[in-house]
Every structure is written in C-alpha cells, then in structure tokens.
C-alpha cells in the first residue's frame, strides 16, 4: 500500500505539472482518497490494539515476573514500531492527497 500511495502521488504531481487536469481527475482522486482513508483506519485500529497488547504484556511480565510474557512484550514491540511508521506514512500520504485534490479542484474550475 505504501508503494501504491507513493506512485499515485507522483502520478498526480506529473499530471498537475503537465496541466492534464479535468473534472474526472478530481472525482478519481476523491475515490482514491476514500480507499486510502479506509486503509488508514484499518491500520489505526491494528496499531492501537498492538500498542495495547504491548503495554499489557509489559505490565503483566513486570507484575507476575513471567519470562514468557516478557518475550511476548518484545515480539509485540517489534511489530508495534513498524506499525507506527507505516501509519505515519499513510497519514501523511492522505494529507498530501488532500492538498493535491484541492489544487486539482482549484485548477479544474478555471
């Protein structure tokens, strides 16, 4: 999804530079924004529950002094950190799409 978002933003920027903007492009961008917003929501939910699980495993391993819970903490921490970076990229990518959409909308109205 990260590559798809990056490629789509680059494609839109090329179209804007070449002035290939029409009414259909703004509708297409809105559709893609909806897809990426859905992806962002799914990753937010996954990131949230992975973070909760990471914290619970840490607290459980400290409270019960249990080594397997500490191992689970490290495993979920190794998952949680990439989820944070991926969600951050999706969030910023969707924000870029908003800016591109407003640019396209402004230029297509002329």
Protein backbone atom coordinates (compact mmCIF):
# COMPACT_ATOMS: atom_id res chain seq x y z
CA UNK A 1 0.00 0.00 0.00
CA UNK A 2 2.90 2.31 0.76
CA UNK A 3 4.29 1.92 -2.75
CA UNK A 4 0.85 2.36 -4.31
CA UNK A 5 0.29 5.60 -2.41
CA UNK A 6 3.72 6.95 -3.34
CA UNK A 7 3.28 6.05 -7.02
CA UNK A 8 -0.19 7.61 -7.15
CA UNK A 9 1.01 10.87 -5.61
CA UNK A 10 3.88 11.02 -8.12
CA UNK A 11 1.46 10.33 -10.98
CA UNK A 12 -0.84 13.12 -9.84
CA UNK A 13 2.06 15.55 -9.50
CA UNK A 14 3.14 14.75 -13.08
CA UNK A 15 -0.40 15.39 -14.33
CA UNK A 16 -0.52 18.70 -12.49
CA UNK A 17 2.85 19.75 -13.95
CA UNK A 18 1.68 18.85 -17.49
CA UNK A 19 -1.65 20.64 -16.88
CA UNK A 20 -3.63 17.46 -17.63
CA UNK A 21 -6.39 18.36 -15.20
CA UNK A 22 -10.07 17.78 -15.85
CA UNK A 23 -13.27 17.26 -13.88
CA UNK A 24 -12.88 13.46 -13.92
CA UNK A 25 -9.48 13.66 -12.28
CA UNK A 26 -10.88 15.32 -9.17
CA UNK A 27 -13.53 12.58 -8.87
CA UNK A 28 -10.86 9.92 -9.33
CA UNK A 29 -8.72 11.49 -6.60
CA UNK A 30 -11.71 11.53 -4.23
CA UNK A 31 -12.24 7.81 -4.85
CA UNK A 32 -8.57 7.07 -4.13
CA UNK A 33 -8.70 9.23 -1.02
CA UNK A 34 -11.57 7.09 0.24
CA UNK A 35 -9.58 3.90 -0.39
CA UNK A 36 -6.54 5.26 1.41
CA UNK A 37 -8.68 6.59 4.29
CA UNK A 38 -10.10 3.10 4.75
CA UNK A 39 -6.60 1.64 4.74
CA UNK A 40 -5.52 4.28 7.24
CA UNK A 41 -8.45 3.42 9.55
CA UNK A 42 -7.64 -0.28 9.43
CA UNK A 43 -4.00 0.41 10.27
CA UNK A 44 -5.01 2.77 13.07
CA UNK A 45 -7.11 0.02 14.66
CA UNK A 46 -4.34 -2.58 14.24
CA UNK A 47 -1.73 -0.15 15.61
CA UNK A 48 -3.94 0.73 18.57
CA UNK A 49 -4.55 -2.87 19.60
CA UNK A 50 -0.91 -3.84 19.02
CA UNK A 51 0.11 -0.96 21.30
CA UNK A 52 -2.41 -2.00 23.96
CA UNK A 53 -1.16 -5.59 23.75
CA UNK A 54 2.45 -4.43 24.03
CA UNK A 55 1.70 -2.42 27.16
CA UNK A 56 -0.33 -5.25 28.71
CA UNK A 57 2.44 -7.78 28.07
CA UNK A 58 4.97 -5.43 29.66
CA UNK A 59 2.81 -4.79 32.71
CA UNK A 60 1.96 -8.48 33.01
CA UNK A 61 5.60 -9.53 32.81
CA UNK A 62 6.56 -6.98 35.47
CA UNK A 63 3.66 -7.80 37.79
CA UNK A 64 3.81 -11.59 37.51
CA UNK A 65 7.58 -11.76 36.89
CA UNK A 66 6.89 -14.04 33.97
CA UNK A 67 9.54 -14.55 31.28
CA UNK A 68 7.14 -15.76 28.52
CA UNK A 69 5.13 -12.54 28.94
CA UNK A 70 8.35 -10.55 28.62
CA UNK A 71 9.13 -12.42 25.39
CA UNK A 72 5.64 -11.60 24.11
CA UNK A 73 6.27 -7.96 25.01
CA UNK A 74 9.41 -7.88 22.86
CA UNK A 75 7.65 -9.64 19.97
CA UNK A 76 4.73 -7.21 20.00
CA UNK A 77 7.13 -4.28 20.41
CA UNK A 78 8.92 -5.45 17.25
CA UNK A 79 5.54 -5.36 15.48
CA UNK A 80 4.38 -2.11 17.05
CA UNK A 81 7.29 0.05 15.93
CA UNK A 82 6.88 -0.70 12.18
CA UNK A 83 3.10 -0.22 12.52
CA UNK A 84 3.72 3.27 13.90
CA UNK A 85 5.97 4.19 10.97
CA UNK A 86 3.56 2.71 8.43
CA UNK A 87 0.58 4.53 9.93
CA UNK A 88 2.60 7.76 9.98
CA UNK A 89 3.35 7.34 6.27
CA UNK A 90 -0.31 6.62 5.45
CA UNK A 91 -1.47 9.64 7.44
CA UNK A 92 0.96 11.99 5.71
CA UNK A 93 0.19 10.47 2.31
CA UNK A 94 -3.54 11.05 2.71
CA UNK A 95 -2.83 14.63 3.80
CA UNK A 96 -0.78 15.11 0.60
CA UNK A 97 -3.70 13.72 -1.39
CA UNK A 98 -5.98 16.30 0.24
CA UNK A 99 -3.63 19.07 -0.87
CA UNK A 100 -3.40 17.64 -4.38
CA UNK A 101 -7.18 17.32 -4.55
CA UNK A 102 -7.67 20.97 -3.60
CA UNK A 103 -5.06 22.00 -6.19
CA UNK A 104 -6.82 19.96 -8.88
CA UNK A 105 -10.22 21.28 -7.85
CA UNK A 106 -8.98 24.86 -7.97
CA UNK A 107 -7.37 24.40 -11.40
CA UNK A 108 -10.27 22.46 -12.91
CA UNK A 109 -12.74 25.22 -12.01
CA UNK A 110 -10.84 27.71 -14.18
